[in-house]
């Protein structure tokens, strides 16, 4: 569940497909963080706000010395 919280957008997609119980995810988040469902919703909204802002840029990955091992 922690992984799904970290990737909350994917969690929503999986929940829509019936592959993840979103209420269970919220319950897990609230239990681990000792907070309310409202706290979860605020945290989720902020995460999507950050995602939306960051998605406005074209990002490049630099694998440094390991770049030679990546097939192109």
N, C-alpha and C. Protein backbone atom coordinates (compact mmCIF):
# COMPACT_ATOMS: atom_id res chain seq x y z
N UNK A 1 0.82 -1.20 0.00
CA UNK A 1 0.00 0.00 0.00
C UNK A 1 0.86 1.26 0.00
N UNK A 2 2.00 1.24 0.67
CA UNK A 2 2.86 2.42 0.69
C UNK A 2 3.29 2.78 -0.74
N UNK A 3 3.61 1.77 -1.54
CA UNK A 3 4.00 2.00 -2.92
C UNK A 3 2.86 2.65 -3.69
N UNK A 4 1.65 2.20 -3.48
CA UNK A 4 0.49 2.77 -4.17
C UNK A 4 0.24 4.22 -3.73
N UNK A 5 0.49 4.52 -2.48
CA UNK A 5 0.33 5.90 -2.02
C UNK A 5 1.36 6.79 -2.72
N UNK A 6 2.57 6.29 -2.86
CA UNK A 6 3.63 7.06 -3.53
C UNK A 6 3.28 7.32 -4.99
N UNK A 7 2.59 6.36 -5.61
CA UNK A 7 2.17 6.48 -7.01
C UNK A 7 0.64 6.58 -7.06
N UNK A 8 0.13 7.63 -6.46
CA UNK A 8 -1.31 7.78 -6.23
C UNK A 8 -2.11 7.87 -7.53
N UNK A 9 -1.53 8.43 -8.58
CA UNK A 9 -2.22 8.49 -9.86
C UNK A 9 -2.46 7.10 -10.42
N UNK A 10 -1.42 6.27 -10.39
CA UNK A 10 -1.55 4.89 -10.84
C UNK A 10 -2.54 4.14 -9.95
N UNK A 11 -2.52 4.42 -8.66
CA UNK A 11 -3.46 3.77 -7.73
C UNK A 11 -4.90 4.06 -8.13
N UNK A 12 -5.16 5.29 -8.54
CA UNK A 12 -6.51 5.65 -8.99
C UNK A 12 -6.92 4.88 -10.23
N UNK A 13 -5.99 4.71 -11.16
CA UNK A 13 -6.26 3.95 -12.37
C UNK A 13 -6.55 2.49 -12.02
N UNK A 14 -5.73 1.92 -11.15
CA UNK A 14 -5.94 0.53 -10.74
C UNK A 14 -7.27 0.37 -10.00
N UNK A 15 -7.62 1.34 -9.19
CA UNK A 15 -8.90 1.29 -8.48
C UNK A 15 -10.06 1.35 -9.46
N UNK A 16 -9.95 2.19 -10.48
CA UNK A 16 -11.01 2.29 -11.49
C UNK A 16 -11.19 0.97 -12.23
N UNK A 17 -10.10 0.21 -12.38
CA UNK A 17 -10.16 -1.10 -13.05
C UNK A 17 -10.61 -2.21 -12.10
N UNK A 18 -10.77 -1.88 -10.84
CA UNK A 18 -11.16 -2.88 -9.85
C UNK A 18 -10.00 -3.72 -9.35
N UNK A 19 -8.78 -3.26 -9.60
CA UNK A 19 -7.58 -4.01 -9.22
C UNK A 19 -6.99 -3.55 -7.88
N UNK A 20 -7.58 -2.50 -7.30
CA UNK A 20 -7.08 -1.97 -6.03
C UNK A 20 -8.25 -1.37 -5.27
N UNK A 21 -8.29 -1.61 -3.98
CA UNK A 21 -9.33 -1.04 -3.12
C UNK A 21 -8.84 0.33 -2.63
N UNK A 22 -9.39 1.39 -3.22
CA UNK A 22 -8.93 2.75 -2.89
C UNK A 22 -9.25 3.12 -1.45
N UNK A 23 -10.36 2.63 -0.92
CA UNK A 23 -10.70 2.90 0.48
C UNK A 23 -9.66 2.27 1.41
N UNK A 24 -9.17 1.10 1.03
CA UNK A 24 -8.13 0.44 1.82
C UNK A 24 -6.83 1.26 1.77
N UNK A 25 -6.56 1.82 0.62
CA UNK A 25 -5.38 2.68 0.46
C UNK A 25 -5.48 3.89 1.39
N UNK A 26 -6.64 4.53 1.41
CA UNK A 26 -6.85 5.69 2.28
C UNK A 26 -6.71 5.30 3.74
N UNK A 27 -7.30 4.18 4.09
CA UNK A 27 -7.22 3.69 5.48
C UNK A 27 -5.76 3.43 5.86
N UNK A 28 -4.99 2.85 4.96
CA UNK A 28 -3.58 2.58 5.22
C UNK A 28 -2.82 3.90 5.43
N UNK A 29 -3.02 4.85 4.53
CA UNK A 29 -2.35 6.15 4.64
C UNK A 29 -2.66 6.80 5.98
N UNK A 30 -3.92 6.82 6.34
CA UNK A 30 -4.34 7.46 7.59
C UNK A 30 -3.78 6.74 8.80
N UNK A 31 -3.72 5.42 8.75
CA UNK A 31 -3.17 4.66 9.87
C UNK A 31 -1.68 4.89 10.04
N UNK A 32 -0.94 4.85 8.94
CA UNK A 32 0.51 5.06 9.00
C UNK A 32 0.85 6.47 9.45
N UNK A 33 0.07 7.44 8.98
CA UNK A 33 0.36 8.84 9.27
C UNK A 33 -0.44 9.42 10.43
N UNK A 34 -1.26 8.57 11.06
CA UNK A 34 -2.09 9.00 12.20
C UNK A 34 -2.83 10.30 11.85
N UNK A 35 -3.61 10.23 10.77
CA UNK A 35 -4.32 11.42 10.31
C UNK A 35 -5.73 11.06 9.85
N UNK A 36 -6.46 12.06 9.43
CA UNK A 36 -7.84 11.88 9.00
C UNK A 36 -7.93 11.72 7.48
N UNK A 37 -9.12 11.34 7.03
CA UNK A 37 -9.36 11.23 5.60
C UNK A 37 -9.21 12.61 4.94
N UNK A 38 -9.61 13.65 5.64
CA UNK A 38 -9.45 15.01 5.12
C UNK A 38 -7.97 15.33 4.90
N UNK A 39 -7.13 14.90 5.85
CA UNK A 39 -5.68 15.10 5.70
C UNK A 39 -5.18 14.37 4.44
N UNK A 40 -5.69 13.16 4.23
CA UNK A 40 -5.33 12.41 3.02
C UNK A 40 -5.71 13.19 1.78
N UNK A 41 -6.93 13.68 1.73
CA UNK A 41 -7.42 14.40 0.55
C UNK A 41 -6.58 15.65 0.28
N UNK A 42 -6.19 16.36 1.34
CA UNK A 42 -5.35 17.54 1.17
C UNK A 42 -3.97 17.17 0.64
N UNK A 43 -3.42 16.09 1.16
CA UNK A 43 -2.11 15.61 0.72
C UNK A 43 -2.18 15.17 -0.74
N UNK A 44 -3.24 14.45 -1.09
CA UNK A 44 -3.44 13.99 -2.46
C UNK A 44 -3.57 15.17 -3.41
N UNK A 45 -4.34 16.17 -3.04
CA UNK A 45 -4.53 17.36 -3.88
C UNK A 45 -3.20 18.07 -4.11
N UNK A 46 -2.40 18.19 -3.07
CA UNK A 46 -1.09 18.84 -3.19
C UNK A 46 -0.17 18.03 -4.10
N UNK A 47 -0.21 16.72 -3.99
CA UNK A 47 0.63 15.87 -4.84
C UNK A 47 0.28 16.05 -6.31
N UNK A 48 -1.01 16.12 -6.61
CA UNK A 48 -1.43 16.32 -8.00
C UNK A 48 -1.09 17.73 -8.48
N UNK A 49 -1.11 18.69 -7.59
CA UNK A 49 -0.72 20.06 -7.96
C UNK A 49 0.76 20.09 -8.35
N UNK A 50 1.59 19.44 -7.55
CA UNK A 50 3.03 19.36 -7.85
C UNK A 50 3.25 18.62 -9.17
N UNK A 51 2.54 17.50 -9.35
CA UNK A 51 2.65 16.72 -10.59
C UNK A 51 2.28 17.56 -11.81
N UNK A 52 1.19 18.31 -11.68
CA UNK A 52 0.75 19.14 -12.79
C UNK A 52 1.79 20.20 -13.14
N UNK A 53 2.36 20.84 -12.14
CA UNK A 53 3.40 21.84 -12.37
C UNK A 53 4.64 21.24 -13.02
N UNK A 54 5.08 20.10 -12.51
CA UNK A 54 6.28 19.46 -13.05
C UNK A 54 6.06 18.91 -14.45
N UNK A 55 4.83 18.57 -14.77
CA UNK A 55 4.52 18.00 -16.08
C UNK A 55 4.58 19.04 -17.20
N UNK A 56 4.77 20.28 -16.85
CA UNK A 56 4.84 21.33 -17.87
C UNK A 56 6.23 21.45 -18.49
N UNK A 57 7.17 20.65 -17.99
CA UNK A 57 8.54 20.69 -18.48
C UNK A 57 8.89 19.39 -19.19
N UNK A 58 9.82 19.48 -20.11
CA UNK A 58 10.35 18.28 -20.74
C UNK A 58 11.59 17.88 -19.95
N UNK A 59 11.57 16.69 -19.40
CA UNK A 59 12.65 16.24 -18.54
C UNK A 59 13.57 15.29 -19.29
N UNK A 60 14.84 15.30 -18.94
CA UNK A 60 15.82 14.37 -19.49
C UNK A 60 16.47 13.64 -18.33
N UNK A 61 16.81 12.38 -18.56
CA UNK A 61 17.48 11.60 -17.53
C UNK A 61 18.95 11.48 -17.87
N UNK A 62 19.80 11.67 -16.89
CA UNK A 62 21.23 11.52 -17.06
C UNK A 62 21.66 10.33 -16.19
N UNK A 63 22.05 9.26 -16.86
CA UNK A 63 22.45 8.06 -16.14
C UNK A 63 23.95 8.02 -15.88
N UNK A 64 24.62 9.12 -16.19
CA UNK A 64 26.06 9.22 -15.93
C UNK A 64 26.83 8.08 -16.57
N UNK A 65 27.76 7.53 -15.81
CA UNK A 65 28.62 6.47 -16.35
C UNK A 65 27.85 5.20 -16.69
N UNK A 66 26.61 5.08 -16.21
CA UNK A 66 25.82 3.89 -16.49
C UNK A 66 25.03 4.01 -17.79
N UNK A 67 25.06 5.17 -18.41
CA UNK A 67 24.35 5.40 -19.67
C UNK A 67 24.79 4.47 -20.78
N UNK A 68 26.06 4.03 -20.74
CA UNK A 68 26.58 3.12 -21.77
C UNK A 68 25.91 1.75 -21.72
N UNK A 69 25.30 1.40 -20.61
CA UNK A 69 24.68 0.10 -20.45
C UNK A 69 23.22 0.07 -20.93
N UNK A 70 22.70 1.20 -21.33
CA UNK A 70 21.31 1.31 -21.73
C UNK A 70 21.21 1.17 -23.24
N UNK A 71 20.33 0.26 -23.66
CA UNK A 71 20.10 0.07 -25.09
C UNK A 71 19.30 1.25 -25.63
N UNK A 72 19.68 1.72 -26.79
CA UNK A 72 18.99 2.87 -27.39
C UNK A 72 18.11 2.44 -28.52
